[in-house]
């Protein structure tokens, strides 16, 4: 599982020019799922995202997590995080999980955040979405479960 996490002052997602999710201060999480991911891993990665200390404290140091900063999360499913362009200029997406595997794990990730008290907005799984954001900092963190949790869950 991969997550591209961006600290934002605001972010929103639309489908067919219809707004479907938005947050103010918080995180935009682009989430990719691969074939070997499972529920335990989705929950573990959600916990990692929730606890990332990327918000500034009163001294201006990145020392606060999402809850301490009073932030929310916009989570967007993005299979292209598993794009592989090593063999040419057109990326292949064979490492991305099929929708019937990816969607339940995406929903599990979202559920884990909500169960921990995080306000979560989402995109629409499988839809062509337009995502707008104002990256605060800019602060962008790449999380790859293979690197974070060797041997996975």
C-alpha atoms as a PDB file:
ATOM      1  CA  UNK A   1       0.000   0.000   0.000  1.00  0.00           C
ATOM      2  CA  UNK A   2       1.252   3.453  -0.835  1.00  0.00           C
ATOM      3  CA  UNK A   3       0.148   6.842   0.424  1.00  0.00           C
ATOM      4  CA  UNK A   4       1.214  10.229  -0.825  1.00  0.00           C
ATOM      5  CA  UNK A   5       0.357  12.510   2.081  1.00  0.00           C
ATOM      6  CA  UNK A   6       0.192  16.257   1.645  1.00  0.00           C
ATOM      7  CA  UNK A   7      -0.398  18.773   4.417  1.00  0.00           C
ATOM      8  CA  UNK A   8      -3.034  21.155   3.099  1.00  0.00           C
ATOM      9  CA  UNK A   9      -4.752  24.363   4.098  1.00  0.00           C
ATOM     10  CA  UNK A  10      -7.636  23.182   1.923  1.00  0.00           C
ATOM     11  CA  UNK A  11      -8.425  20.445  -0.570  1.00  0.00           C
ATOM     12  CA  UNK A  12     -11.474  19.330  -2.499  1.00  0.00           C
ATOM     13  CA  UNK A  13     -12.504  16.720  -5.008  1.00  0.00           C
ATOM     14  CA  UNK A  14     -15.134  16.930  -7.725  1.00  0.00           C
ATOM     15  CA  UNK A  15     -16.675  14.384 -10.087  1.00  0.00           C
ATOM     16  CA  UNK A  16     -18.277  15.727 -13.278  1.00  0.00           C
ATOM     17  CA  UNK A  17     -17.880  19.246 -11.818  1.00  0.00           C
ATOM     18  CA  UNK A  18     -19.924  18.204  -8.755  1.00  0.00           C
ATOM     19  CA  UNK A  19     -18.148  18.708  -5.399  1.00  0.00           C
ATOM     20  CA  UNK A  20     -18.134  15.455  -3.415  1.00  0.00           C
ATOM     21  CA  UNK A  21     -15.536  15.992  -0.680  1.00  0.00           C
ATOM     22  CA  UNK A  22     -13.564  18.806   0.900  1.00  0.00           C
ATOM     23  CA  UNK A  23     -11.431  19.629   3.935  1.00  0.00           C
ATOM     24  CA  UNK A  24      -9.818  22.709   5.395  1.00  0.00           C
ATOM     25  CA  UNK A  25      -6.580  22.388   7.357  1.00  0.00           C
ATOM     26  CA  UNK A  26      -5.433  18.798   7.383  1.00  0.00           C
ATOM     27  CA  UNK A  27      -4.143  16.117   5.054  1.00  0.00           C
ATOM     28  CA  UNK A  28      -4.812  15.037   1.503  1.00  0.00           C
ATOM     29  CA  UNK A  29      -4.015  11.338   1.174  1.00  0.00           C
ATOM     30  CA  UNK A  30      -3.656   9.746  -2.256  1.00  0.00           C
ATOM     31  CA  UNK A  31      -3.892   6.001  -1.580  1.00  0.00           C
ATOM     32  CA  UNK A  32      -2.731   3.148  -3.808  1.00  0.00           C
ATOM     33  CA  UNK A  33      -3.361  -0.545  -3.169  1.00  0.00           C
ATOM     34  CA  UNK A  34      -1.400  -3.532  -4.487  1.00  0.00           C
ATOM     35  CA  UNK A  35      -2.211  -7.256  -4.695  1.00  0.00           C
ATOM     36  CA  UNK A  36      -0.603  -8.328  -1.427  1.00  0.00           C
ATOM     37  CA  UNK A  37      -2.272  -5.716   0.798  1.00  0.00           C
ATOM     38  CA  UNK A  38      -4.829  -6.712   3.405  1.00  0.00           C
ATOM     39  CA  UNK A  39      -7.128  -5.269   6.076  1.00  0.00           C
ATOM     40  CA  UNK A  40      -4.470  -5.301   8.800  1.00  0.00           C
ATOM     41  CA  UNK A  41      -2.103  -3.348   6.592  1.00  0.00           C
ATOM     42  CA  UNK A  42      -4.775  -0.790   5.645  1.00  0.00           C
ATOM     43  CA  UNK A  43      -5.443  -0.174   9.329  1.00  0.00           C
ATOM     44  CA  UNK A  44      -1.747   0.019  10.172  1.00  0.00           C
ATOM     45  CA  UNK A  45      -1.077   2.560   7.427  1.00  0.00           C
ATOM     46  CA  UNK A  46      -4.105   4.629   8.473  1.00  0.00           C
ATOM     47  CA  UNK A  47      -2.708   4.721  12.000  1.00  0.00           C
ATOM     48  CA  UNK A  48       0.672   5.851  10.656  1.00  0.00           C
ATOM     49  CA  UNK A  49      -0.958   8.651   8.646  1.00  0.00           C
ATOM     50  CA  UNK A  50      -3.045   9.740  11.628  1.00  0.00           C
ATOM     51  CA  UNK A  51       0.031   9.954  13.857  1.00  0.00           C
ATOM     52  CA  UNK A  52       2.323  11.776  11.410  1.00  0.00           C
ATOM     53  CA  UNK A  53       3.674  14.825  13.195  1.00  0.00           C
ATOM     54  CA  UNK A  54       3.687  17.243  10.281  1.00  0.00           C
ATOM     55  CA  UNK A  55       1.773  20.185  11.767  1.00  0.00           C
ATOM     56  CA  UNK A  56       3.533  23.095  13.459  1.00  0.00           C
ATOM     57  CA  UNK A  57       3.394  23.618  17.191  1.00  0.00           C
ATOM     58  CA  UNK A  58       3.477  27.032  18.897  1.00  0.00           C
ATOM     59  CA  UNK A  59       7.256  27.166  18.347  1.00  0.00           C
ATOM     60  CA  UNK A  60       6.854  26.632  14.605  1.00  0.00           C
ATOM     61  CA  UNK A  61       8.285  23.099  14.706  1.00  0.00           C
ATOM     62  CA  UNK A  62       6.529  20.224  12.915  1.00  0.00           C
ATOM     63  CA  UNK A  63       5.557  18.423  16.080  1.00  0.00           C
ATOM     64  CA  UNK A  64       1.766  17.937  16.025  1.00  0.00           C
ATOM     65  CA  UNK A  65      -0.283  15.098  14.596  1.00  0.00           C
ATOM     66  CA  UNK A  66      -3.657  15.417  12.891  1.00  0.00           C
ATOM     67  CA  UNK A  67      -5.726  15.310  16.091  1.00  0.00           C
ATOM     68  CA  UNK A  68      -3.536  17.812  17.955  1.00  0.00           C
ATOM     69  CA  UNK A  69      -3.748  20.197  14.996  1.00  0.00           C
ATOM     70  CA  UNK A  70      -7.522  19.767  14.722  1.00  0.00           C
ATOM     71  CA  UNK A  71      -7.219  18.703  11.098  1.00  0.00           C
ATOM     72  CA  UNK A  72      -9.302  16.562   8.769  1.00  0.00           C
ATOM     73  CA  UNK A  73      -8.386  14.150   5.994  1.00  0.00           C
ATOM     74  CA  UNK A  74      -9.409  13.924   2.338  1.00  0.00           C
ATOM     75  CA  UNK A  75      -8.661  10.404   1.092  1.00  0.00           C
ATOM     76  CA  UNK A  76      -8.550   9.693  -2.652  1.00  0.00           C
ATOM     77  CA  UNK A  77      -7.999   6.271  -4.194  1.00  0.00           C
ATOM     78  CA  UNK A  78      -5.225   6.453  -6.791  1.00  0.00           C
ATOM     79  CA  UNK A  79      -4.093   3.270  -8.545  1.00  0.00           C
ATOM     80  CA  UNK A  80      -1.505   5.261 -10.525  1.00  0.00           C
ATOM     81  CA  UNK A  81       0.731   5.326  -7.439  1.00  0.00           C
ATOM     82  CA  UNK A  82       1.669   1.843  -8.625  1.00  0.00           C
ATOM     83  CA  UNK A  83       2.559   3.027 -12.126  1.00  0.00           C
ATOM     84  CA  UNK A  84       5.807   1.572 -13.478  1.00  0.00           C
ATOM     85  CA  UNK A  85       7.553   3.500 -16.253  1.00  0.00           C
ATOM     86  CA  UNK A  86      10.866   1.614 -16.168  1.00  0.00           C
ATOM     87  CA  UNK A  87      10.140  -0.184 -19.448  1.00  0.00           C
ATOM     88  CA  UNK A  88       9.266   2.864 -21.523  1.00  0.00           C
ATOM     89  CA  UNK A  89       7.260   6.043 -21.512  1.00  0.00           C
ATOM     90  CA  UNK A  90       3.830   4.539 -20.997  1.00  0.00           C
ATOM     91  CA  UNK A  91       3.455   3.391 -17.383  1.00  0.00           C
ATOM     92  CA  UNK A  92       2.139  -0.075 -16.656  1.00  0.00           C
ATOM     93  CA  UNK A  93      -0.225  -0.603 -13.761  1.00  0.00           C
ATOM     94  CA  UNK A  94       0.094  -4.347 -13.223  1.00  0.00           C
ATOM     95  CA  UNK A  95       1.173  -3.865  -9.615  1.00  0.00           C
ATOM     96  CA  UNK A  96      -2.051  -2.033  -8.757  1.00  0.00           C
ATOM     97  CA  UNK A  97      -4.761  -4.181  -7.214  1.00  0.00           C
ATOM     98  CA  UNK A  98      -7.934  -4.819  -9.200  1.00  0.00           C
ATOM     99  CA  UNK A  99     -10.931  -2.719  -8.080  1.00  0.00           C
ATOM    100  CA  UNK A 100     -12.615  -5.648  -6.319  1.00  0.00           C
ATOM    101  CA  UNK A 101      -9.524  -5.920  -4.071  1.00  0.00           C
ATOM    102  CA  UNK A 102      -8.596  -2.245  -3.853  1.00  0.00           C
ATOM    103  CA  UNK A 103     -11.972  -0.721  -3.013  1.00  0.00           C
ATOM    104  CA  UNK A 104     -12.614  -2.694   0.209  1.00  0.00           C
ATOM    105  CA  UNK A 105      -9.084  -1.887   1.427  1.00  0.00           C
ATOM    106  CA  UNK A 106      -9.516   1.793   0.560  1.00  0.00           C
ATOM    107  CA  UNK A 107     -12.775   1.773   2.551  1.00  0.00           C
ATOM    108  CA  UNK A 108     -11.024  -0.020   5.434  1.00  0.00           C
ATOM    109  CA  UNK A 109      -8.328   2.692   5.496  1.00  0.00           C
ATOM    110  CA  UNK A 110     -11.043   5.376   5.642  1.00  0.00           C
ATOM    111  CA  UNK A 111     -12.960   3.470   8.340  1.00  0.00           C
ATOM    112  CA  UNK A 112      -9.839   3.128  10.493  1.00  0.00           C
ATOM    113  CA  UNK A 113      -9.287   6.892  10.388  1.00  0.00           C
ATOM    114  CA  UNK A 114     -12.928   7.593  11.248  1.00  0.00           C
ATOM    115  CA  UNK A 115     -12.904   5.084  14.118  1.00  0.00           C
ATOM    116  CA  UNK A 116      -9.905   6.960  15.532  1.00  0.00           C
ATOM    117  CA  UNK A 117     -11.934  10.187  15.537  1.00  0.00           C
ATOM    118  CA  UNK A 118     -10.588  11.767  12.352  1.00  0.00           C
ATOM    119  CA  UNK A 119     -13.035  13.726  10.194  1.00  0.00           C
ATOM    120  CA  UNK A 120     -12.669  12.152   6.742  1.00  0.00           C
ATOM    121  CA  UNK A 121     -13.940  13.228   3.329  1.00  0.00           C
ATOM    122  CA  UNK A 122     -13.473  10.968   0.318  1.00  0.00           C
ATOM    123  CA  UNK A 123     -13.454  10.866  -3.416  1.00  0.00           C
ATOM    124  CA  UNK A 124     -15.519   8.429  -5.465  1.00  0.00           C
ATOM    125  CA  UNK A 125     -13.723   5.135  -6.013  1.00  0.00           C
ATOM    126  CA  UNK A 126     -13.084   4.449  -9.699  1.00  0.00           C
ATOM    127  CA  UNK A 127     -14.415   7.795 -10.914  1.00  0.00           C
ATOM    128  CA  UNK A 128     -12.569  10.385 -12.976  1.00  0.00           C
ATOM    129  CA  UNK A 129     -11.942  13.003 -10.304  1.00  0.00           C
ATOM    130  CA  UNK A 130     -10.542  16.515 -10.212  1.00  0.00           C
ATOM    131  CA  UNK A 131      -8.558  17.145  -7.033  1.00  0.00           C
ATOM    132  CA  UNK A 132      -7.657  20.667  -5.987  1.00  0.00           C
ATOM    133  CA  UNK A 133      -5.383  21.475  -3.089  1.00  0.00           C
ATOM    134  CA  UNK A 134      -3.313  24.140  -1.450  1.00  0.00           C
ATOM    135  CA  UNK A 135      -0.242  22.344  -0.134  1.00  0.00           C
ATOM    136  CA  UNK A 136       0.780  23.953   3.132  1.00  0.00           C
ATOM    137  CA  UNK A 137       4.534  24.258   3.555  1.00  0.00           C
ATOM    138  CA  UNK A 138       4.759  22.663   1.035  1.00  0.00           C
ATOM    139  CA  UNK A 139       4.809  19.436   2.994  1.00  0.00           C
ATOM    140  CA  UNK A 140       4.560  16.113   1.155  1.00  0.00           C
ATOM    141  CA  UNK A 141       5.393  12.707   2.642  1.00  0.00           C
ATOM    142  CA  UNK A 142       5.708   9.421   0.716  1.00  0.00           C
ATOM    143  CA  UNK A 143       4.693   6.311   2.662  1.00  0.00           C
ATOM    144  CA  UNK A 144       5.254   2.847   1.191  1.00  0.00           C
ATOM    145  CA  UNK A 145       4.142  -0.061   3.363  1.00  0.00           C
ATOM    146  CA  UNK A 146       6.939  -2.260   1.985  1.00  0.00           C
ATOM    147  CA  UNK A 147       9.452   0.199   3.432  1.00  0.00           C
ATOM    148  CA  UNK A 148       7.543   1.038   6.618  1.00  0.00           C
ATOM    149  CA  UNK A 149       6.505  -2.467   7.583  1.00  0.00           C
ATOM    150  CA  UNK A 150       8.890  -5.065   6.156  1.00  0.00           C
ATOM    151  CA  UNK A 151       7.056  -8.362   6.047  1.00  0.00           C
ATOM    152  CA  UNK A 152       3.848  -6.286   6.188  1.00  0.00           C
ATOM    153  CA  UNK A 153       1.147  -6.650   8.812  1.00  0.00           C
END
